[in-house]
Amino acid sequence: MLEEVGMTGSEDGDFVEFALAGAAVKGAFHCAECGYGVVVQETLPRCPMCGGRSWEPEASAQTPNSV
């Protein structure tokens, strides 16, 4: 089952958008836990370095594109 992109926020209105392993996305992402980078065309995997499930879009990307 595919998981949705989630957002975490702070009190001052800033937020970081994360995509979870299993989400259907396109683009470059970095593991939120260890920083490992991947470029995906379909579904985000678990991080092959640390097993993490949260991915942050590359800084230059505004939002992940749905497949």
C-alpha atoms as a PDB file:
ATOM      1  CA  MET A   1       0.000   0.000   0.000  1.00  0.00           C
ATOM      2  CA  LEU A   2       1.302   3.467  -0.857  1.00  0.00           C
ATOM      3  CA  GLU A   3       1.759   6.018   1.881  1.00  0.00           C
ATOM      4  CA  GLU A   4       1.051   9.736   1.666  1.00  0.00           C
ATOM      5  CA  VAL A   5       3.559  12.568   1.823  1.00  0.00           C
ATOM      6  CA  GLY A   6       3.563  14.066   5.317  1.00  0.00           C
ATOM      7  CA  MET A   7       4.539  17.419   6.746  1.00  0.00           C
ATOM      8  CA  THR A   8       5.947  18.370  10.101  1.00  0.00           C
ATOM      9  CA  GLY A   9       5.739  21.939  11.308  1.00  0.00           C
ATOM     10  CA  SER A  10       7.050  24.286  13.919  1.00  0.00           C
ATOM     11  CA  GLU A  11       5.315  27.050  15.828  1.00  0.00           C
ATOM     12  CA  ASP A  12       6.809  29.823  13.667  1.00  0.00           C
ATOM     13  CA  GLY A  13       5.143  28.530  10.486  1.00  0.00           C
ATOM     14  CA  ASP A  14       8.176  26.828   8.914  1.00  0.00           C
ATOM     15  CA  PHE A  15       7.693  23.253   7.787  1.00  0.00           C
ATOM     16  CA  VAL A  16       9.678  20.434   6.281  1.00  0.00           C
ATOM     17  CA  GLU A  17       7.899  18.145   3.855  1.00  0.00           C
ATOM     18  CA  PHE A  18       8.772  14.445   4.072  1.00  0.00           C
ATOM     19  CA  ALA A  19       7.794  11.485   1.926  1.00  0.00           C
ATOM     20  CA  LEU A  20       7.600   8.017   3.448  1.00  0.00           C
ATOM     21  CA  ALA A  21       8.974   4.787   2.017  1.00  0.00           C
ATOM     22  CA  GLY A  22       6.327   3.340  -0.266  1.00  0.00           C
ATOM     23  CA  ALA A  23       5.114   6.744  -1.503  1.00  0.00           C
ATOM     24  CA  ALA A  24       4.679   7.155  -5.272  1.00  0.00           C
ATOM     25  CA  VAL A  25       6.959  10.095  -6.146  1.00  0.00           C
ATOM     26  CA  LYS A  26       9.504  11.313  -8.702  1.00  0.00           C
ATOM     27  CA  GLY A  27      12.698  13.197  -8.009  1.00  0.00           C
ATOM     28  CA  ALA A  28      15.726  13.426  -5.748  1.00  0.00           C
ATOM     29  CA  PHE A  29      15.400  12.729  -2.025  1.00  0.00           C
ATOM     30  CA  HIS A  30      17.698  12.432   0.989  1.00  0.00           C
ATOM     31  CA  CYS A  31      17.132  10.110   3.932  1.00  0.00           C
ATOM     32  CA  ALA A  32      15.955  12.159   6.917  1.00  0.00           C
ATOM     33  CA  GLU A  33      17.976   9.929   9.258  1.00  0.00           C
ATOM     34  CA  CYS A  34      21.386   9.500   7.596  1.00  0.00           C
ATOM     35  CA  GLY A  35      21.367  11.830   4.563  1.00  0.00           C
ATOM     36  CA  TYR A  36      21.753   9.092   1.930  1.00  0.00           C
ATOM     37  CA  GLY A  37      20.538  10.367  -1.453  1.00  0.00           C
ATOM     38  CA  VAL A  38      18.372   8.641  -4.048  1.00  0.00           C
ATOM     39  CA  VAL A  39      16.682   9.585  -7.312  1.00  0.00           C
ATOM     40  CA  VAL A  40      13.404   7.756  -7.840  1.00  0.00           C
ATOM     41  CA  GLN A  41      10.926   7.470 -10.696  1.00  0.00           C
ATOM     42  CA  GLU A  42       8.178   5.470  -8.985  1.00  0.00           C
ATOM     43  CA  THR A  43       8.228   4.357  -5.338  1.00  0.00           C
ATOM     44  CA  LEU A  44      10.518   5.416  -2.493  1.00  0.00           C
ATOM     45  CA  PRO A  45      12.360   2.479  -0.926  1.00  0.00           C
ATOM     46  CA  ARG A  46      13.535   2.103   2.645  1.00  0.00           C
ATOM     47  CA  CYS A  47      16.978   3.667   2.979  1.00  0.00           C
ATOM     48  CA  PRO A  48      19.568   1.061   1.939  1.00  0.00           C
ATOM     49  CA  MET A  49      22.137   2.543   4.345  1.00  0.00           C
ATOM     50  CA  CYS A  50      20.206   2.829   7.618  1.00  0.00           C
ATOM     51  CA  GLY A  51      16.748   1.344   6.939  1.00  0.00           C
ATOM     52  CA  GLY A  52      15.026   4.705   7.487  1.00  0.00           C
ATOM     53  CA  ARG A  53      11.550   5.334   6.072  1.00  0.00           C
ATOM     54  CA  SER A  54      11.432   9.162   5.919  1.00  0.00           C
ATOM     55  CA  TRP A  55      12.743  11.028   2.895  1.00  0.00           C
ATOM     56  CA  GLU A  56      13.197  14.766   2.422  1.00  0.00           C
ATOM     57  CA  PRO A  57      12.953  16.207  -1.101  1.00  0.00           C
ATOM     58  CA  GLU A  58      16.191  17.708  -2.419  1.00  0.00           C
ATOM     59  CA  ALA A  59      16.490  21.365  -1.385  1.00  0.00           C
ATOM     60  CA  SER A  60      15.974  22.606  -4.950  1.00  0.00           C
ATOM     61  CA  ALA A  61      12.668  20.719  -5.284  1.00  0.00           C
ATOM     62  CA  GLN A  62       9.502  22.468  -4.113  1.00  0.00           C
ATOM     63  CA  THR A  63       7.343  19.358  -3.659  1.00  0.00           C
ATOM     64  CA  PRO A  64       7.537  15.741  -4.825  1.00  0.00           C
ATOM     65  CA  ASN A  65       5.680  14.967  -8.068  1.00  0.00           C
ATOM     66  CA  SER A  66       3.085  12.259  -7.894  1.00  0.00           C
ATOM     67  CA  VAL A  67       3.461   9.380 -10.315  1.00  0.00           C
END
